[in-house]
Amino acid sequence: MVCKQGQAAGAAVTELSQAGFSRVYKLKGGMAQWQADNLPVVKR
């Protein structure tokens, strides 16, 4: 899961895990951190 700052994604991970999904991950720091680390982003 990913969101802008990583906080909303955490709640989504919790809900999905409780719903029985076993392989759910959160991008630490969200897209803001991803972009701050100069990692690639594709915009369409």
N, C-alpha and C. Protein backbone atom coordinates (compact mmCIF):
# COMPACT_ATOMS: atom_id res chain seq x y z
N MET A 1 0.85 -1.16 0.00
CA MET A 1 0.00 0.00 0.00
C MET A 1 0.90 1.22 0.00
N VAL A 2 0.40 2.27 -0.61
CA VAL A 2 1.14 3.53 -0.64
C VAL A 2 0.15 4.69 -0.63
N CYS A 3 0.52 5.73 0.08
CA CYS A 3 -0.24 6.97 0.08
C CYS A 3 0.79 8.10 0.12
N LYS A 4 0.35 9.30 0.29
CA LYS A 4 1.27 10.44 0.22
C LYS A 4 2.34 10.39 1.33
N GLN A 5 1.93 10.21 2.58
CA GLN A 5 2.87 10.23 3.70
C GLN A 5 3.08 8.88 4.38
N GLY A 6 2.26 7.90 4.06
CA GLY A 6 2.41 6.58 4.65
C GLY A 6 1.46 6.29 5.80
N GLN A 7 0.68 7.26 6.23
CA GLN A 7 -0.20 7.06 7.39
C GLN A 7 -1.49 6.35 7.00
N ALA A 8 -2.14 6.79 5.95
CA ALA A 8 -3.39 6.15 5.53
C ALA A 8 -3.13 4.73 5.05
N ALA A 9 -1.98 4.51 4.45
CA ALA A 9 -1.63 3.17 3.97
C ALA A 9 -1.52 2.20 5.14
N GLY A 10 -1.05 2.67 6.27
CA GLY A 10 -0.94 1.82 7.45
C GLY A 10 -2.30 1.30 7.90
N ALA A 11 -3.29 2.16 7.87
CA ALA A 11 -4.65 1.76 8.25
C ALA A 11 -5.19 0.74 7.25
N ALA A 12 -4.90 0.95 5.98
CA ALA A 12 -5.35 0.02 4.94
C ALA A 12 -4.69 -1.35 5.11
N VAL A 13 -3.41 -1.36 5.46
CA VAL A 13 -2.69 -2.62 5.69
C VAL A 13 -3.34 -3.38 6.85
N THR A 14 -3.68 -2.67 7.90
CA THR A 14 -4.33 -3.30 9.05
C THR A 14 -5.66 -3.92 8.65
N GLU A 15 -6.47 -3.17 7.91
CA GLU A 15 -7.78 -3.68 7.48
C GLU A 15 -7.64 -4.91 6.59
N LEU A 16 -6.72 -4.85 5.63
CA LEU A 16 -6.54 -5.97 4.72
C LEU A 16 -6.02 -7.20 5.46
N SER A 17 -5.12 -6.99 6.40
CA SER A 17 -4.59 -8.10 7.19
C SER A 17 -5.69 -8.76 8.01
N GLN A 18 -6.55 -7.94 8.61
CA GLN A 18 -7.66 -8.47 9.40
C GLN A 18 -8.68 -9.19 8.52
N ALA A 19 -8.73 -8.81 7.23
CA ALA A 19 -9.65 -9.45 6.29
C ALA A 19 -9.10 -10.76 5.75
N GLY A 20 -7.87 -11.11 6.16
CA GLY A 20 -7.32 -12.40 5.77
C GLY A 20 -6.21 -12.36 4.73
N PHE A 21 -5.86 -11.17 4.26
CA PHE A 21 -4.75 -11.07 3.31
C PHE A 21 -3.44 -11.21 4.08
N SER A 22 -2.57 -12.09 3.61
CA SER A 22 -1.34 -12.37 4.36
C SER A 22 -0.11 -11.63 3.82
N ARG A 23 -0.15 -11.22 2.59
CA ARG A 23 1.01 -10.54 2.01
C ARG A 23 0.66 -9.10 1.67
N VAL A 24 0.60 -8.26 2.70
CA VAL A 24 0.26 -6.85 2.53
C VAL A 24 1.41 -6.03 3.08
N TYR A 25 1.87 -5.06 2.31
CA TYR A 25 3.03 -4.27 2.70
C TYR A 25 2.73 -2.79 2.55
N LYS A 26 3.46 -1.98 3.30
CA LYS A 26 3.31 -0.52 3.25
C LYS A 26 4.65 0.09 2.84
N LEU A 27 4.60 1.04 1.93
CA LEU A 27 5.80 1.76 1.53
C LEU A 27 6.12 2.78 2.62
N LYS A 28 7.20 2.55 3.35
CA LYS A 28 7.57 3.41 4.48
C LYS A 28 7.83 4.84 4.00
N GLY A 29 7.16 5.79 4.60
CA GLY A 29 7.33 7.19 4.26
C GLY A 29 6.46 7.65 3.11
N GLY A 30 5.78 6.72 2.47
CA GLY A 30 4.88 7.06 1.38
C GLY A 30 5.59 7.60 0.15
N MET A 31 4.78 8.16 -0.74
CA MET A 31 5.33 8.70 -1.99
C MET A 31 6.24 9.90 -1.74
N ALA A 32 5.96 10.63 -0.68
CA ALA A 32 6.80 11.80 -0.37
C ALA A 32 8.25 11.36 -0.13
N GLN A 33 8.46 10.29 0.63
CA GLN A 33 9.80 9.80 0.89
C GLN A 33 10.42 9.20 -0.37
N TRP A 34 9.61 8.48 -1.14
CA TRP A 34 10.07 7.87 -2.38
C TRP A 34 10.65 8.95 -3.30
N GLN A 35 9.91 10.04 -3.45
CA GLN A 35 10.37 11.12 -4.32
C GLN A 35 11.56 11.85 -3.70
N ALA A 36 11.59 12.02 -2.39
CA ALA A 36 12.72 12.66 -1.72
C ALA A 36 14.00 11.85 -1.91
N ASP A 37 13.86 10.53 -2.04
CA ASP A 37 15.02 9.66 -2.28
C ASP A 37 15.39 9.58 -3.76
N ASN A 38 14.72 10.41 -4.57
CA ASN A 38 14.96 10.47 -6.03
C ASN A 38 14.78 9.12 -6.71
N LEU A 39 13.78 8.37 -6.27
CA LEU A 39 13.46 7.10 -6.92
C LEU A 39 12.48 7.37 -8.06
N PRO A 40 12.43 6.49 -9.05
CA PRO A 40 11.64 6.78 -10.25
C PRO A 40 10.13 6.81 -10.00
N VAL A 41 9.48 7.74 -10.68
CA VAL A 41 8.03 7.88 -10.64
C VAL A 41 7.57 8.06 -12.08
N VAL A 42 6.56 7.29 -12.46
CA VAL A 42 6.00 7.41 -13.81
C VAL A 42 4.64 8.08 -13.70
N LYS A 43 4.45 9.15 -14.42
CA LYS A 43 3.16 9.86 -14.43
C LYS A 43 2.57 9.72 -15.81
N ARG A 44 1.31 9.32 -15.87
CA ARG A 44 0.63 9.16 -17.17
C ARG A 44 -0.59 10.01 -17.22
